[in-house]
Amino acid sequence: MSGNPPGGLPETAEAKSGWQAVIDDMAATAEAYRERGWTTLELHPGDSVLVDSEFRTGLDVLLPGPEYEQLEALVDDVTFTDVDAFRAGSGGMFYLLIVEQSPADDTAVFVPAYYDPGGSQGTLETIREDGQLRLFCRRLNDDYVEFVHEEVGPFLPEVFDDE
């Protein structure tokens, strides 16, 4: 007997397919920004999870060391004031492509992320009640760059939207 869901793809294949779609979208979107003359940084997290602890609550993405160092240097020089969040659900997972923007500097950072909303209901409620989403771009030693967003709707599944 197969473990495939009725949709045909095994759950892990569907998750990989959804993640690959986010990475592909990131590359295409970043290229469009570059064509308009923007400086871009595309990040490739090794893990992404919603966290709710005494130390931090929000979306936590784990970055490779060199990408983290590029991000850290960039945020020292540039102030990010705008954000776009593209979202999609597939196979029980929720995928995001977050574009942190500095229009004044024509600079954008692309952060792909994912999480399981079904296993994160408490954290999603905390984020909604707090009225802000914190994005932690972290490396293994727990250093992190933090982006704070006061509008949480774009980062949550539609069930949690204010609409």
C-alpha atoms as a PDB file:
ATOM      1  CA  MET A   1       0.000   0.000   0.000  1.00  0.00           C
ATOM      2  CA  SER A   2       1.279   3.410  -0.936  1.00  0.00           C
ATOM      3  CA  GLY A   3       1.526   6.332   1.482  1.00  0.00           C
ATOM      4  CA  ASN A   4       0.518   8.745  -1.244  1.00  0.00           C
ATOM      5  CA  PRO A   5      -2.332  11.126  -0.483  1.00  0.00           C
ATOM      6  CA  PRO A   6      -5.295  11.262  -2.880  1.00  0.00           C
ATOM      7  CA  GLY A   7      -3.617  14.144  -4.772  1.00  0.00           C
ATOM      8  CA  GLY A   8      -1.048  11.701  -6.127  1.00  0.00           C
ATOM      9  CA  LEU A   9       2.273  13.030  -4.836  1.00  0.00           C
ATOM     10  CA  PRO A  10       3.801  11.730  -1.609  1.00  0.00           C
ATOM     11  CA  GLU A  11       3.624  14.384   1.090  1.00  0.00           C
ATOM     12  CA  THR A  12       7.408  14.949   1.057  1.00  0.00           C
ATOM     13  CA  ALA A  13       7.450  15.293  -2.738  1.00  0.00           C
ATOM     14  CA  GLU A  14       4.651  17.861  -2.565  1.00  0.00           C
ATOM     15  CA  ALA A  15       6.534  19.816   0.122  1.00  0.00           C
ATOM     16  CA  LYS A  16       9.746  19.741  -1.942  1.00  0.00           C
ATOM     17  CA  SER A  17       7.784  20.844  -4.996  1.00  0.00           C
ATOM     18  CA  GLY A  18       6.244  23.761  -3.066  1.00  0.00           C
ATOM     19  CA  TRP A  19       9.611  24.837  -1.697  1.00  0.00           C
ATOM     20  CA  GLN A  20      11.232  24.635  -5.129  1.00  0.00           C
ATOM     21  CA  ALA A  21       8.450  26.820  -6.526  1.00  0.00           C
ATOM     22  CA  VAL A  22       9.260  29.471  -3.887  1.00  0.00           C
ATOM     23  CA  ILE A  23      12.973  29.326  -4.737  1.00  0.00           C
ATOM     24  CA  ASP A  24      12.180  29.607  -8.464  1.00  0.00           C
ATOM     25  CA  ASP A  25       9.855  32.562  -7.814  1.00  0.00           C
ATOM     26  CA  MET A  26      12.560  34.209  -5.721  1.00  0.00           C
ATOM     27  CA  ALA A  27      15.107  33.937  -8.551  1.00  0.00           C
ATOM     28  CA  ALA A  28      12.670  35.355 -11.122  1.00  0.00           C
ATOM     29  CA  THR A  29      11.502  38.188  -8.855  1.00  0.00           C
ATOM     30  CA  ALA A  30      15.058  39.123  -7.866  1.00  0.00           C
ATOM     31  CA  GLU A  31      16.020  39.212 -11.545  1.00  0.00           C
ATOM     32  CA  ALA A  32      13.127  41.620 -12.223  1.00  0.00           C
ATOM     33  CA  TYR A  33      14.400  43.902  -9.441  1.00  0.00           C
ATOM     34  CA  ARG A  34      17.957  43.774 -10.840  1.00  0.00           C
ATOM     35  CA  GLU A  35      16.630  44.690 -14.290  1.00  0.00           C
ATOM     36  CA  ARG A  36      15.176  47.843 -12.664  1.00  0.00           C
ATOM     37  CA  GLY A  37      18.627  48.659 -11.242  1.00  0.00           C
ATOM     38  CA  TRP A  38      18.151  47.383  -7.698  1.00  0.00           C
ATOM     39  CA  THR A  39      20.798  45.628  -5.622  1.00  0.00           C
ATOM     40  CA  THR A  40      19.453  42.283  -4.421  1.00  0.00           C
ATOM     41  CA  LEU A  41      20.402  39.622  -1.907  1.00  0.00           C
ATOM     42  CA  GLU A  42      18.746  36.215  -2.261  1.00  0.00           C
ATOM     43  CA  LEU A  43      18.834  34.086   0.885  1.00  0.00           C
ATOM     44  CA  HIS A  44      18.604  30.287   0.986  1.00  0.00           C
ATOM     45  CA  PRO A  45      17.528  29.155   4.476  1.00  0.00           C
ATOM     46  CA  GLY A  46      18.374  25.649   5.582  1.00  0.00           C
ATOM     47  CA  ASP A  47      15.381  25.655   7.929  1.00  0.00           C
ATOM     48  CA  SER A  48      12.352  27.800   8.605  1.00  0.00           C
ATOM     49  CA  VAL A  49      10.010  27.595  11.580  1.00  0.00           C
ATOM     50  CA  LEU A  50       7.638  29.645  13.690  1.00  0.00           C
ATOM     51  CA  VAL A  51       9.087  30.142  17.161  1.00  0.00           C
ATOM     52  CA  ASP A  52       7.447  31.184  20.400  1.00  0.00           C
ATOM     53  CA  SER A  53       9.831  31.264  23.342  1.00  0.00           C
ATOM     54  CA  GLU A  54      10.869  33.636  26.074  1.00  0.00           C
ATOM     55  CA  PHE A  55      13.707  34.781  23.781  1.00  0.00           C
ATOM     56  CA  ARG A  56      11.835  35.371  20.530  1.00  0.00           C
ATOM     57  CA  THR A  57       8.468  34.957  18.867  1.00  0.00           C
ATOM     58  CA  GLY A  58       8.051  35.032  15.114  1.00  0.00           C
ATOM     59  CA  LEU A  59       9.375  33.438  11.975  1.00  0.00           C
ATOM     60  CA  ASP A  60      12.893  32.069  12.307  1.00  0.00           C
ATOM     61  CA  VAL A  61      14.993  31.195   9.243  1.00  0.00           C
ATOM     62  CA  LEU A  62      18.410  29.578   9.535  1.00  0.00           C
ATOM     63  CA  LEU A  63      20.960  30.915   7.048  1.00  0.00           C
ATOM     64  CA  PRO A  64      24.316  29.640   5.826  1.00  0.00           C
ATOM     65  CA  GLY A  65      27.217  31.613   7.337  1.00  0.00           C
ATOM     66  CA  PRO A  66      28.273  33.496   4.173  1.00  0.00           C
ATOM     67  CA  GLU A  67      24.707  34.607   3.393  1.00  0.00           C
ATOM     68  CA  TYR A  68      24.201  35.707   6.987  1.00  0.00           C
ATOM     69  CA  GLU A  69      27.402  37.774   6.821  1.00  0.00           C
ATOM     70  CA  GLN A  70      26.230  39.426   3.577  1.00  0.00           C
ATOM     71  CA  LEU A  71      22.874  40.250   5.198  1.00  0.00           C
ATOM     72  CA  GLU A  72      24.505  41.575   8.344  1.00  0.00           C
ATOM     73  CA  ALA A  73      26.794  43.872   6.317  1.00  0.00           C
ATOM     74  CA  LEU A  74      23.863  45.058   4.210  1.00  0.00           C
ATOM     75  CA  VAL A  75      21.631  46.009   7.162  1.00  0.00           C
ATOM     76  CA  ASP A  76      24.530  47.987   8.630  1.00  0.00           C
ATOM     77  CA  ASP A  77      24.439  50.231   5.541  1.00  0.00           C
ATOM     78  CA  VAL A  78      20.781  50.205   4.472  1.00  0.00           C
ATOM     79  CA  THR A  79      17.487  50.898   6.248  1.00  0.00           C
ATOM     80  CA  PHE A  80      14.656  48.645   5.110  1.00  0.00           C
ATOM     81  CA  THR A  81      11.297  50.394   5.283  1.00  0.00           C
ATOM     82  CA  ASP A  82       8.973  48.415   2.992  1.00  0.00           C
ATOM     83  CA  VAL A  83       8.043  44.775   2.574  1.00  0.00           C
ATOM     84  CA  ASP A  84       6.177  42.593   0.126  1.00  0.00           C
ATOM     85  CA  ALA A  85       5.075  39.102   1.103  1.00  0.00           C
ATOM     86  CA  PHE A  86       3.971  36.567  -1.458  1.00  0.00           C
ATOM     87  CA  ARG A  87       2.263  33.499  -0.010  1.00  0.00           C
ATOM     88  CA  ALA A  88       0.931  30.125  -1.048  1.00  0.00           C
ATOM     89  CA  GLY A  89      -0.213  26.917   0.585  1.00  0.00           C
ATOM     90  CA  SER A  90       0.479  23.407  -0.618  1.00  0.00           C
ATOM     91  CA  GLY A  91       0.383  19.988   1.011  1.00  0.00           C
ATOM     92  CA  GLY A  92      -0.421  21.392   4.442  1.00  0.00           C
ATOM     93  CA  MET A  93       2.571  23.769   4.352  1.00  0.00           C
ATOM     94  CA  PHE A  94       2.486  27.551   4.097  1.00  0.00           C
ATOM     95  CA  TYR A  95       5.145  29.159   1.895  1.00  0.00           C
ATOM     96  CA  LEU A  96       6.302  32.763   1.861  1.00  0.00           C
ATOM     97  CA  LEU A  97       8.593  34.862  -0.242  1.00  0.00           C
ATOM     98  CA  ILE A  98       9.361  37.948   1.821  1.00  0.00           C
ATOM     99  CA  VAL A  99      10.968  40.895   0.056  1.00  0.00           C
ATOM    100  CA  GLU A 100      12.482  43.388   2.495  1.00  0.00           C
ATOM    101  CA  GLN A 101      12.926  46.662   0.604  1.00  0.00           C
ATOM    102  CA  SER A 102      14.819  49.912   0.856  1.00  0.00           C
ATOM    103  CA  PRO A 103      13.376  52.087  -1.929  1.00  0.00           C
ATOM    104  CA  ALA A 104      15.722  54.923  -0.949  1.00  0.00           C
ATOM    105  CA  ASP A 105      18.709  52.701  -1.733  1.00  0.00           C
ATOM    106  CA  ASP A 106      17.122  50.524  -4.448  1.00  0.00           C
ATOM    107  CA  THR A 107      18.009  47.462  -2.388  1.00  0.00           C
ATOM    108  CA  ALA A 108      15.969  44.332  -1.675  1.00  0.00           C
ATOM    109  CA  VAL A 109      16.554  41.213   0.409  1.00  0.00           C
ATOM    110  CA  PHE A 110      14.633  38.077  -0.588  1.00  0.00           C
ATOM    111  CA  VAL A 111      13.759  35.690   2.243  1.00  0.00           C
ATOM    112  CA  PRO A 112      11.950  32.472   1.327  1.00  0.00           C
ATOM    113  CA  ALA A 113      10.286  30.737   4.260  1.00  0.00           C
ATOM    114  CA  TYR A 114       7.795  28.031   5.137  1.00  0.00           C
ATOM    115  CA  TYR A 115       5.954  26.680   8.137  1.00  0.00           C
ATOM    116  CA  ASP A 116       3.259  24.200   9.082  1.00  0.00           C
ATOM    117  CA  PRO A 117       0.221  26.241  10.166  1.00  0.00           C
ATOM    118  CA  GLY A 118      -1.506  23.141  11.527  1.00  0.00           C
ATOM    119  CA  GLY A 119       1.262  22.569  14.054  1.00  0.00           C
ATOM    120  CA  SER A 120       1.684  26.251  14.874  1.00  0.00           C
ATOM    121  CA  GLN A 121      -1.772  27.441  15.912  1.00  0.00           C
ATOM    122  CA  GLY A 122      -0.633  28.790  19.285  1.00  0.00           C
ATOM    123  CA  THR A 123       2.256  30.745  17.793  1.00  0.00           C
ATOM    124  CA  LEU A 124       0.033  32.115  15.026  1.00  0.00           C
ATOM    125  CA  GLU A 125      -2.477  33.308  17.636  1.00  0.00           C
ATOM    126  CA  THR A 126       0.325  34.965  19.645  1.00  0.00           C
ATOM    127  CA  ILE A 127       1.582  36.776  16.541  1.00  0.00           C
ATOM    128  CA  ARG A 128      -1.936  37.892  15.693  1.00  0.00           C
ATOM    129  CA  GLU A 129      -2.625  39.108  19.246  1.00  0.00           C
ATOM    130  CA  ASP A 130       0.740  40.941  19.418  1.00  0.00           C
ATOM    131  CA  GLY A 131      -0.049  42.624  16.113  1.00  0.00           C
ATOM    132  CA  GLN A 132       3.432  42.185  14.735  1.00  0.00           C
ATOM    133  CA  LEU A 133       5.524  39.599  12.998  1.00  0.00           C
ATOM    134  CA  ARG A 134       9.208  39.391  13.741  1.00  0.00           C
ATOM    135  CA  LEU A 135      11.381  37.791  11.092  1.00  0.00           C
ATOM    136  CA  PHE A 136      14.607  36.408  12.510  1.00  0.00           C
ATOM    137  CA  CYS A 137      17.308  35.683   9.925  1.00  0.00           C
ATOM    138  CA  ARG A 138      19.633  33.629  12.075  1.00  0.00           C
ATOM    139  CA  ARG A 139      22.836  31.668  11.889  1.00  0.00           C
ATOM    140  CA  LEU A 140      23.774  28.621  13.926  1.00  0.00           C
ATOM    141  CA  ASN A 141      25.467  30.536  16.756  1.00  0.00           C
ATOM    142  CA  ASP A 142      22.129  32.330  17.357  1.00  0.00           C
ATOM    143  CA  ASP A 143      23.261  35.729  16.044  1.00  0.00           C
ATOM    144  CA  TYR A 144      20.373  37.170  14.081  1.00  0.00           C
ATOM    145  CA  VAL A 145      19.146  40.059  11.989  1.00  0.00           C
ATOM    146  CA  GLU A 146      15.578  41.005  12.838  1.00  0.00           C
ATOM    147  CA  PHE A 147      12.904  42.595  10.675  1.00  0.00           C
ATOM    148  CA  VAL A 148       9.706  43.708  12.458  1.00  0.00           C
ATOM    149  CA  HIS A 149       6.394  44.045  10.627  1.00  0.00           C
ATOM    150  CA  GLU A 150       3.327  45.698  12.143  1.00  0.00           C
ATOM    151  CA  GLU A 151       0.937  44.295   9.523  1.00  0.00           C
ATOM    152  CA  VAL A 152       0.758  40.535  10.147  1.00  0.00           C
ATOM    153  CA  GLY A 153      -1.896  39.568   7.572  1.00  0.00           C
ATOM    154  CA  PRO A 154       0.487  39.058   4.637  1.00  0.00           C
ATOM    155  CA  PHE A 155       2.518  36.538   6.658  1.00  0.00           C
ATOM    156  CA  LEU A 156      -0.376  34.391   7.853  1.00  0.00           C
ATOM    157  CA  PRO A 157      -2.652  31.899   6.125  1.00  0.00           C
ATOM    158  CA  GLU A 158      -5.964  33.432   5.028  1.00  0.00           C
ATOM    159  CA  VAL A 159      -7.760  31.879   7.983  1.00  0.00           C
ATOM    160  CA  PHE A 160      -5.798  34.329  10.155  1.00  0.00           C
ATOM    161  CA  ASP A 161      -6.206  37.402   7.950  1.00  0.00           C
ATOM    162  CA  ASP A 162      -8.108  40.401   9.273  1.00  0.00           C
ATOM    163  CA  GLU A 163     -10.363  40.275   6.225  1.00  0.00           C
END
